[in-house]
């Protein structure tokens, strides 16, 4: 969750490299949504490029290193977007035994063991 309650972290930083926040809604939040969508689209393209290189039996070591760079950049973008969107999720409510599914109980026990 964001350390600043009620504000949304933007997918870019200030000129000084500091995180920036904005109130949800409005033009700046819409620009942030668009930026996140672009990051996901770029990640998909990078994965496609990497897969094409890896699938080509004639790819040399330099091309495979480039594929790794594509995948690394895609992973960075996907992680950033996941973190930003995760920060906007509402806090989880405590689970109760009444009405919880067997699947939910299994998942909870797996996380507790970790």
N, C-alpha and C. Protein backbone atom coordinates (compact mmCIF):
# COMPACT_ATOMS: atom_id res chain seq x y z
N UNK A 1 0.82 -1.19 0.00
CA UNK A 1 0.00 0.00 0.00
C UNK A 1 0.86 1.25 0.00
N UNK A 2 0.33 2.29 -0.56
CA UNK A 2 1.03 3.56 -0.58
C UNK A 2 1.20 4.09 0.84
N UNK A 3 2.36 4.65 1.11
CA UNK A 3 2.61 5.22 2.43
C UNK A 3 1.79 6.49 2.63
N UNK A 4 1.34 7.10 1.55
CA UNK A 4 0.55 8.32 1.63
C UNK A 4 -0.90 7.94 1.36
N UNK A 5 -1.70 7.91 2.41
CA UNK A 5 -3.07 7.43 2.34
C UNK A 5 -3.91 8.24 1.37
N UNK A 6 -4.65 7.52 0.52
CA UNK A 6 -5.58 8.14 -0.40
C UNK A 6 -4.96 8.64 -1.69
N UNK A 7 -3.66 8.63 -1.79
CA UNK A 7 -3.01 9.10 -3.02
C UNK A 7 -2.51 7.92 -3.84
N UNK A 8 -2.40 8.15 -5.11
CA UNK A 8 -1.94 7.13 -6.05
C UNK A 8 -0.51 7.47 -6.47
N UNK A 9 0.37 6.45 -6.43
CA UNK A 9 1.74 6.65 -6.89
C UNK A 9 1.75 6.64 -8.41
N UNK A 10 2.48 7.56 -8.98
CA UNK A 10 2.58 7.66 -10.43
C UNK A 10 3.67 6.75 -10.97
N UNK A 11 3.56 6.31 -12.22
CA UNK A 11 4.55 5.39 -12.78
C UNK A 11 5.83 6.09 -13.25
N UNK A 12 6.06 7.30 -12.82
CA UNK A 12 7.28 8.02 -13.12
C UNK A 12 7.73 8.72 -11.85
N UNK A 13 8.94 9.21 -11.86
CA UNK A 13 9.49 9.90 -10.69
C UNK A 13 9.73 11.36 -11.04
N UNK A 14 10.01 12.14 -10.01
CA UNK A 14 10.34 13.55 -10.21
C UNK A 14 11.73 13.65 -10.85
N UNK A 15 12.13 14.84 -11.21
CA UNK A 15 13.46 15.06 -11.79
C UNK A 15 14.55 14.65 -10.81
N UNK A 16 14.24 14.71 -9.53
CA UNK A 16 15.20 14.32 -8.49
C UNK A 16 15.18 12.82 -8.22
N UNK A 17 14.31 12.09 -8.93
CA UNK A 17 14.21 10.64 -8.75
C UNK A 17 13.31 10.21 -7.62
N UNK A 18 12.51 11.12 -7.10
CA UNK A 18 11.60 10.80 -5.99
C UNK A 18 10.24 10.36 -6.53
N UNK A 19 9.58 9.52 -5.75
CA UNK A 19 8.23 9.08 -6.13
C UNK A 19 7.29 10.26 -6.12
N UNK A 20 6.32 10.22 -7.03
CA UNK A 20 5.32 11.28 -7.09
C UNK A 20 3.94 10.66 -6.91
N UNK A 21 3.04 11.41 -6.30
CA UNK A 21 1.70 10.94 -5.98
C UNK A 21 0.68 11.95 -6.47
N UNK A 22 -0.54 11.44 -6.69
CA UNK A 22 -1.62 12.29 -7.15
C UNK A 22 -2.93 11.74 -6.58
N UNK A 23 -3.91 12.61 -6.47
CA UNK A 23 -5.25 12.16 -6.05
C UNK A 23 -5.81 11.28 -7.17
N UNK A 24 -6.54 10.21 -6.82
CA UNK A 24 -7.19 9.39 -7.86
C UNK A 24 -8.18 10.24 -8.66
N UNK A 25 -8.34 9.90 -9.92
CA UNK A 25 -9.23 10.65 -10.80
C UNK A 25 -8.48 11.86 -11.36
N UNK A 26 -9.05 12.47 -12.35
CA UNK A 26 -8.44 13.66 -12.93
C UNK A 26 -7.50 13.35 -14.09
N UNK A 27 -6.98 14.42 -14.67
CA UNK A 27 -6.16 14.31 -15.87
C UNK A 27 -4.85 13.59 -15.60
N UNK A 28 -4.18 13.90 -14.51
CA UNK A 28 -2.89 13.29 -14.23
C UNK A 28 -3.03 11.80 -13.96
N UNK A 29 -4.09 11.40 -13.26
CA UNK A 29 -4.33 9.98 -13.01
C UNK A 29 -4.64 9.26 -14.33
N UNK A 30 -5.37 9.93 -15.22
CA UNK A 30 -5.65 9.34 -16.54
C UNK A 30 -4.37 9.18 -17.34
N UNK A 31 -3.47 10.15 -17.23
CA UNK A 31 -2.17 10.04 -17.91
C UNK A 31 -1.37 8.87 -17.33
N UNK A 32 -1.47 8.67 -16.02
CA UNK A 32 -0.78 7.54 -15.38
C UNK A 32 -1.36 6.22 -15.87
N UNK A 33 -2.69 6.15 -16.00
CA UNK A 33 -3.33 4.94 -16.55
C UNK A 33 -2.81 4.65 -17.95
N UNK A 34 -2.73 5.68 -18.77
CA UNK A 34 -2.25 5.53 -20.13
C UNK A 34 -0.79 5.08 -20.15
N UNK A 35 0.01 5.63 -19.26
CA UNK A 35 1.42 5.24 -19.16
C UNK A 35 1.54 3.77 -18.77
N UNK A 36 0.74 3.33 -17.79
CA UNK A 36 0.76 1.92 -17.38
C UNK A 36 0.35 1.01 -18.54
N UNK A 37 -0.68 1.41 -19.28
CA UNK A 37 -1.11 0.61 -20.44
C UNK A 37 0.00 0.51 -21.47
N UNK A 38 0.71 1.62 -21.69
CA UNK A 38 1.84 1.61 -22.64
C UNK A 38 2.96 0.70 -22.15
N UNK A 39 3.21 0.70 -20.84
CA UNK A 39 4.25 -0.16 -20.28
C UNK A 39 3.91 -1.63 -20.49
N UNK A 40 2.64 -1.99 -20.28
CA UNK A 40 2.21 -3.38 -20.49
C UNK A 40 2.31 -3.75 -21.97
N UNK A 41 1.89 -2.84 -22.85
CA UNK A 41 1.98 -3.11 -24.29
C UNK A 41 3.44 -3.28 -24.72
N UNK A 42 4.32 -2.44 -24.21
CA UNK A 42 5.74 -2.55 -24.55
C UNK A 42 6.32 -3.87 -24.03
N UNK A 43 5.88 -4.27 -22.84
CA UNK A 43 6.35 -5.54 -22.28
C UNK A 43 5.92 -6.70 -23.17
N UNK A 44 4.69 -6.66 -23.65
CA UNK A 44 4.21 -7.71 -24.55
C UNK A 44 5.05 -7.76 -25.83
N UNK A 45 5.33 -6.59 -26.39
CA UNK A 45 6.15 -6.53 -27.60
C UNK A 45 7.55 -7.09 -27.35
N UNK A 46 8.14 -6.71 -26.22
CA UNK A 46 9.49 -7.20 -25.90
C UNK A 46 9.50 -8.72 -25.73
N UNK A 47 8.47 -9.27 -25.11
CA UNK A 47 8.39 -10.73 -24.96
C UNK A 47 8.28 -11.38 -26.34
N UNK A 48 7.47 -10.80 -27.21
CA UNK A 48 7.34 -11.33 -28.57
C UNK A 48 8.67 -11.31 -29.33
N UNK A 49 9.41 -10.21 -29.19
CA UNK A 49 10.73 -10.13 -29.83
C UNK A 49 11.67 -11.20 -29.29
N UNK A 50 11.67 -11.35 -27.96
CA UNK A 50 12.55 -12.34 -27.34
C UNK A 50 12.18 -13.75 -27.78
N UNK A 51 10.88 -14.02 -27.85
CA UNK A 51 10.45 -15.35 -28.29
C UNK A 51 10.85 -15.62 -29.74
N UNK A 52 10.77 -14.61 -30.58
CA UNK A 52 11.15 -14.78 -31.98
C UNK A 52 12.65 -15.09 -32.09
N UNK A 53 13.46 -14.38 -31.32
CA UNK A 53 14.90 -14.62 -31.35
C UNK A 53 15.22 -16.01 -30.81
N UNK A 54 14.60 -16.35 -29.67
CA UNK A 54 14.87 -17.66 -29.05
C UNK A 54 14.38 -18.80 -29.94
N UNK A 55 13.33 -18.57 -30.71
CA UNK A 55 12.79 -19.61 -31.57
C UNK A 55 13.55 -19.80 -32.87
N UNK A 56 14.44 -18.89 -33.16
CA UNK A 56 15.23 -18.98 -34.39
C UNK A 56 16.50 -19.78 -34.11
N UNK A 57 16.62 -20.95 -34.71
CA UNK A 57 17.77 -21.82 -34.47
C UNK A 57 19.08 -21.18 -34.93
N UNK A 58 19.00 -20.18 -35.78
CA UNK A 58 20.21 -19.53 -36.29
C UNK A 58 20.65 -18.33 -35.43
N UNK A 59 19.92 -18.06 -34.35
CA UNK A 59 20.28 -16.93 -33.49
C UNK A 59 21.65 -17.14 -32.88
N UNK A 60 22.46 -16.09 -32.92
CA UNK A 60 23.80 -16.17 -32.33
C UNK A 60 23.74 -15.70 -30.87
N UNK A 61 24.88 -15.79 -30.20
CA UNK A 61 24.95 -15.41 -28.78
C UNK A 61 24.55 -13.96 -28.56
N UNK A 62 24.99 -13.07 -29.43
CA UNK A 62 24.67 -11.65 -29.29
C UNK A 62 23.15 -11.44 -29.39
N UNK A 63 22.52 -12.15 -30.31
CA UNK A 63 21.06 -12.03 -30.45
C UNK A 63 20.35 -12.59 -29.23
N UNK A 64 20.87 -13.68 -28.67
CA UNK A 64 20.26 -14.25 -27.47
C UNK A 64 20.43 -13.31 -26.27
N UNK A 65 21.58 -12.63 -26.20
CA UNK A 65 21.76 -11.63 -25.14
C UNK A 65 20.74 -10.50 -25.31
N UNK A 66 20.49 -10.12 -26.54
CA UNK A 66 19.48 -9.09 -26.81
C UNK A 66 18.09 -9.58 -26.38
N UNK A 67 17.81 -10.84 -26.61
CA UNK A 67 16.53 -11.41 -26.17
C UNK A 67 16.41 -11.33 -24.65
N UNK A 68 17.51 -11.58 -23.96
CA UNK A 68 17.51 -11.48 -22.49
C UNK A 68 17.24 -10.04 -22.07
N UNK A 69 17.82 -9.08 -22.79
CA UNK A 69 17.56 -7.67 -22.47
C UNK A 69 16.08 -7.34 -22.68
N UNK A 70 15.49 -7.86 -23.76
CA UNK A 70 14.06 -7.65 -23.99
C UNK A 70 13.24 -8.21 -22.83
N UNK A 71 13.55 -9.43 -22.43
CA UNK A 71 12.81 -10.06 -21.33
C UNK A 71 13.00 -9.33 -20.01
N UNK A 72 14.21 -8.87 -19.77
CA UNK A 72 14.50 -8.14 -18.54
C UNK A 72 13.69 -6.85 -18.49
N UNK A 73 13.65 -6.13 -19.59
CA UNK A 73 12.89 -4.88 -19.65
C UNK A 73 11.39 -5.17 -19.49
N UNK A 74 10.92 -6.23 -20.12
CA UNK A 74 9.50 -6.60 -20.00
C UNK A 74 9.15 -6.94 -18.56
N UNK A 75 10.02 -7.69 -17.90
CA UNK A 75 9.77 -8.06 -16.50
C UNK A 75 9.77 -6.81 -15.61
N UNK A 76 10.71 -5.91 -15.83
CA UNK A 76 10.74 -4.66 -15.05
C UNK A 76 9.44 -3.88 -15.19
N UNK A 77 8.99 -3.71 -16.42
CA UNK A 77 7.75 -2.96 -16.66
C UNK A 77 6.56 -3.66 -16.03
N UNK A 78 6.47 -4.97 -16.19
CA UNK A 78 5.34 -5.72 -15.63
C UNK A 78 5.34 -5.64 -14.10
N UNK A 79 6.50 -5.74 -13.49
CA UNK A 79 6.59 -5.65 -12.03
C UNK A 79 6.18 -4.27 -11.56
N UNK A 80 6.65 -3.24 -12.24
CA UNK A 80 6.29 -1.88 -11.85
C UNK A 80 4.78 -1.67 -11.90
N UNK A 81 4.16 -2.09 -12.99
CA UNK A 81 2.71 -1.93 -13.13
C UNK A 81 1.97 -2.75 -12.07
N UNK A 82 2.43 -3.96 -11.82
CA UNK A 82 1.79 -4.80 -10.79
C UNK A 82 1.88 -4.14 -9.42
N UNK A 83 3.05 -3.60 -9.09
CA UNK A 83 3.20 -2.92 -7.80
C UNK A 83 2.28 -1.71 -7.70
N UNK A 84 2.25 -0.90 -8.76
CA UNK A 84 1.40 0.29 -8.74
C UNK A 84 -0.06 -0.07 -8.59
N UNK A 85 -0.50 -1.08 -9.32
CA UNK A 85 -1.91 -1.48 -9.24
C UNK A 85 -2.21 -2.15 -7.91
N UNK A 86 -1.26 -2.90 -7.39
CA UNK A 86 -1.43 -3.54 -6.08
C UNK A 86 -1.59 -2.52 -4.97
N UNK A 87 -0.88 -1.41 -5.09
CA UNK A 87 -0.99 -0.35 -4.09
C UNK A 87 -2.38 0.27 -4.08
N UNK A 88 -3.09 0.16 -5.19
CA UNK A 88 -4.43 0.76 -5.28
C UNK A 88 -5.54 -0.20 -4.86
N UNK A 89 -5.19 -1.45 -4.60
CA UNK A 89 -6.22 -2.40 -4.16
C UNK A 89 -6.69 -2.04 -2.76
N UNK A 90 -7.97 -2.25 -2.48
CA UNK A 90 -8.44 -1.98 -1.13
C UNK A 90 -7.80 -2.97 -0.15
N UNK A 91 -7.64 -2.57 1.10
CA UNK A 91 -7.06 -3.49 2.07
C UNK A 91 -7.91 -4.75 2.19
N UNK A 92 -7.23 -5.88 2.37
CA UNK A 92 -7.96 -7.14 2.50
C UNK A 92 -8.67 -7.20 3.85
N UNK A 93 -9.87 -7.77 3.81
CA UNK A 93 -10.60 -7.97 5.05
C UNK A 93 -10.19 -9.31 5.61
N UNK A 94 -10.16 -9.43 6.94
CA UNK A 94 -9.77 -10.72 7.52
C UNK A 94 -10.72 -11.82 7.09
N UNK A 95 -10.16 -13.00 6.82
CA UNK A 95 -10.98 -14.14 6.42
C UNK A 95 -11.63 -14.74 7.66
N UNK A 96 -12.86 -15.17 7.47
CA UNK A 96 -13.55 -15.88 8.54
C UNK A 96 -13.80 -17.29 8.07
N UNK A 97 -13.99 -18.21 8.99
CA UNK A 97 -14.24 -19.61 8.62
C UNK A 97 -15.60 -19.79 7.99
N UNK A 98 -16.57 -18.97 8.35
CA UNK A 98 -17.90 -19.14 7.77
C UNK A 98 -17.90 -18.60 6.35
N UNK A 99 -18.32 -19.43 5.43
CA UNK A 99 -18.43 -19.03 4.04
C UNK A 99 -17.13 -19.11 3.26
N UNK A 100 -16.04 -19.51 3.87
CA UNK A 100 -14.80 -19.61 3.10
C UNK A 100 -14.78 -20.93 2.35
N UNK A 101 -14.26 -20.89 1.17
CA UNK A 101 -14.23 -22.09 0.34
C UNK A 101 -13.04 -22.96 0.71
N UNK A 102 -13.09 -24.20 0.29
CA UNK A 102 -11.97 -25.10 0.53
C UNK A 102 -10.73 -24.57 -0.19
N UNK A 103 -10.92 -23.99 -1.37
CA UNK A 103 -9.81 -23.45 -2.13
C UNK A 103 -9.17 -22.31 -1.37
N UNK A 104 -9.99 -21.42 -0.81
CA UNK A 104 -9.48 -20.30 -0.04
C UNK A 104 -8.70 -20.77 1.17
N UNK A 105 -9.19 -21.80 1.84
CA UNK A 105 -8.49 -22.32 3.00
C UNK A 105 -7.16 -22.93 2.60
N UNK A 106 -7.12 -23.60 1.45
CA UNK A 106 -5.88 -24.20 0.97
C UNK A 106 -4.86 -23.11 0.67
N UNK A 107 -5.28 -22.05 0.01
CA UNK A 107 -4.37 -20.97 -0.33
C UNK A 107 -3.83 -20.29 0.92
N UNK A 108 -4.69 -20.08 1.89
CA UNK A 108 -4.26 -19.44 3.12
C UNK A 108 -3.22 -20.31 3.81
N UNK A 109 -3.47 -21.62 3.90
CA UNK A 109 -2.52 -22.49 4.57
C UNK A 109 -1.19 -22.52 3.84
N UNK A 110 -1.19 -22.43 2.51
CA UNK A 110 0.06 -22.40 1.75
C UNK A 110 0.85 -21.16 2.08
N UNK A 111 0.18 -20.01 2.18
CA UNK A 111 0.88 -18.78 2.48
C UNK A 111 1.39 -18.79 3.92
N UNK A 112 0.66 -19.40 4.82
CA UNK A 112 1.10 -19.44 6.20
C UNK A 112 2.33 -20.32 6.36
N UNK A 113 2.46 -21.37 5.52
CA UNK A 113 3.62 -22.24 5.61
C UNK A 113 4.89 -21.58 5.09
N UNK A 114 4.71 -20.61 4.20
CA UNK A 114 5.88 -19.99 3.54
C UNK A 114 6.64 -19.10 4.50
